Structure formats: C-alpha cells, structure tokens
Amino acid sequence: MLNFQMEQVLSAIEGSGGIMSNVARKLNCTWDTAKAYCLKWDETKQALVNEQETILDIAENTLVDKIKEGDEQSAKWYLSKKGKQRGYGDSVAIEGGIQIVYADKDDERL
C-alpha cells in the first residue's frame, strides 16, 4: 500500500509541467494513484494548477518570441485566438435572427 506524504507529492509536482504521468513517474506509482494524491490536499491541488499555468506561460512566451522574429503563421494563429475584439478570428459571428417558416403544400405562402 502506497502512502505518500504531502511533501513527496509537492516535490513530484514540481517540474512535472502539470502532466500527471510525469508526477506518477516521479512517485513511482500509477497515474490514478498520482492523481488521487494530487487532489488529496489543497496545497497539492494548487501546486498542480501553478505548474500547469507555468507551462502555459512558457508556451505563450515561445509564441510571442516567434511572432517577434516575424513568423507569419504564429502571428496569424495568435490573431485568430486573441485578436477577436479587433475583428480577427476563425469564425464569423452572425447577429440577428433567422426566421424559418414551415409550410405544408396547402399553405397559401407557397
């Protein structure tokens, strides 16, 4: 029976990127066991969130660096995700409504 202490789990979360299989590998246990221990204490829950947010920050910094280097694809992708308030995006918003009228063959509107 595995019985990890909170400090062991915190140590395993550190540097894991918030990826549960990395935490499990550091604890030498199954993925499910690692997840259960990560969710056991408020401190470990927060550490996991912090680790995931750190990786998101790194990814965003990498993207910004690529944009600063002039990478057009990265710039387009960024605009499609973050530039919607300026009119950029992958989809078009349709304002207003569409009225659909169903009629049978005897309806005068046909």
Protein backbone atom coordinates (compact mmCIF):
# COMPACT_ATOMS: atom_id res chain seq x y z
CA MET A 1 0.00 0.00 0.00
CA LEU A 2 1.42 3.35 -1.03
CA ASN A 3 1.25 6.14 1.50
CA PHE A 4 2.78 9.33 0.20
CA GLN A 5 3.22 12.41 2.34
CA MET A 6 2.15 15.80 1.05
CA GLU A 7 5.76 16.96 0.76
CA GLN A 8 6.58 13.99 -1.51
CA VAL A 9 3.67 14.82 -3.79
CA LEU A 10 4.59 18.51 -3.89
CA SER A 11 8.13 17.54 -4.85
CA ALA A 12 6.83 15.26 -7.61
CA ILE A 13 4.59 18.02 -8.99
CA GLU A 14 7.50 20.46 -9.18
CA GLY A 15 8.94 20.45 -12.69
CA SER A 16 6.28 18.00 -13.97
CA GLY A 17 4.64 20.51 -16.27
CA GLY A 18 1.38 19.57 -14.60
CA ILE A 19 1.37 16.31 -16.53
CA MET A 20 0.08 13.51 -14.34
CA SER A 21 2.20 10.78 -15.95
CA ASN A 22 5.30 12.82 -15.02
CA VAL A 23 4.09 13.08 -11.41
CA ALA A 24 3.39 9.32 -11.35
CA ARG A 25 6.85 8.55 -12.73
CA LYS A 26 8.49 10.67 -10.01
CA LEU A 27 6.41 8.95 -7.31
CA ASN A 28 6.90 5.53 -8.91
CA CYS A 29 3.17 4.81 -8.88
CA THR A 30 0.24 4.56 -11.28
CA TRP A 31 -1.34 7.56 -12.97
CA ASP A 32 -4.54 7.09 -10.96
CA THR A 33 -2.66 6.98 -7.66
CA ALA A 34 -0.72 10.12 -8.54
CA LYS A 35 -3.93 11.93 -9.46
CA ALA A 36 -5.62 10.87 -6.21
CA TYR A 37 -2.70 12.20 -4.18
CA CYS A 38 -2.52 15.43 -6.19
CA LEU A 39 -6.18 16.06 -5.41
CA LYS A 40 -5.92 14.99 -1.76
CA TRP A 41 -4.71 18.29 -0.25
CA ASP A 42 -5.44 21.92 -1.10
CA GLU A 43 -1.69 22.58 -1.30
CA THR A 44 -1.12 19.85 -3.89
CA LYS A 45 -4.16 20.93 -5.92
CA GLN A 46 -2.80 24.47 -6.06
CA ALA A 47 0.72 23.28 -6.86
CA LEU A 48 -0.65 21.30 -9.81
CA VAL A 49 -2.57 24.33 -11.10
CA ASN A 50 0.52 26.52 -10.67
CA GLU A 51 2.65 24.02 -12.59
CA GLN A 52 0.15 23.94 -15.45
CA GLU A 53 -0.05 27.74 -15.53
CA THR A 54 3.75 27.97 -15.65
CA ILE A 55 3.81 25.76 -18.74
CA LEU A 56 1.11 27.89 -20.36
CA ASP A 57 3.24 30.97 -19.66
CA ILE A 58 6.26 29.30 -21.27
CA ALA A 59 4.20 28.34 -24.33
CA GLU A 60 2.87 31.89 -24.66
CA ASN A 61 6.37 33.33 -24.34
CA THR A 62 7.60 30.96 -27.04
CA LEU A 63 4.78 32.08 -29.32
CA VAL A 64 5.46 35.76 -28.66
CA ASP A 65 9.16 35.19 -29.41
CA LYS A 66 8.25 33.57 -32.74
CA ILE A 67 5.96 36.50 -33.60
CA LYS A 68 8.75 38.97 -32.74
CA GLU A 69 11.02 37.02 -35.11
CA GLY A 70 8.48 37.64 -37.88
CA ASP A 71 6.88 34.19 -38.02
CA GLU A 72 3.71 34.92 -40.04
CA GLN A 73 1.94 31.64 -39.19
CA SER A 74 2.38 32.24 -35.48
CA ALA A 75 1.08 35.79 -35.87
CA LYS A 76 -1.98 34.60 -37.80
CA TRP A 77 -2.73 31.92 -35.23
CA TYR A 78 -2.36 34.41 -32.37
CA LEU A 79 -4.66 36.90 -34.06
CA SER A 80 -7.27 34.20 -34.67
CA LYS A 81 -7.28 33.33 -30.97
CA LYS A 82 -6.54 36.60 -29.18
CA GLY A 83 -7.46 39.27 -31.72
CA LYS A 84 -11.21 38.67 -31.94
CA GLN A 85 -12.04 42.03 -30.36
CA ARG A 86 -10.20 43.61 -33.30
CA GLY A 87 -12.08 41.62 -35.91
CA TYR A 88 -9.73 38.67 -36.33
CA GLY A 89 -10.88 35.10 -35.84
CA ASP A 90 -11.62 31.70 -37.29
CA SER A 91 -15.38 32.16 -37.42
CA VAL A 92 -17.91 34.80 -38.30
CA ALA A 93 -20.49 35.85 -35.72
CA ILE A 94 -23.96 36.34 -37.13
CA GLU A 95 -26.03 38.87 -35.29
CA GLY A 96 -29.77 38.99 -35.52
CA GLY A 97 -32.04 36.10 -36.19
CA ILE A 98 -33.14 33.90 -39.00
CA GLN A 99 -36.82 33.15 -39.30
CA ILE A 100 -37.74 29.75 -40.65
CA VAL A 101 -41.32 29.20 -41.70
CA TYR A 102 -42.50 25.66 -42.22
CA ALA A 103 -45.44 25.29 -44.53
CA ASP A 104 -47.35 22.35 -45.93
CA LYS A 105 -48.45 22.00 -49.54
CA ASP A 106 -51.83 23.65 -48.88
CA ASP A 107 -50.31 26.74 -47.29
CA GLU A 108 -51.00 29.94 -49.28
CA ARG A 109 -47.45 31.16 -48.60
CA LEU A 110 -46.01 28.62 -51.02
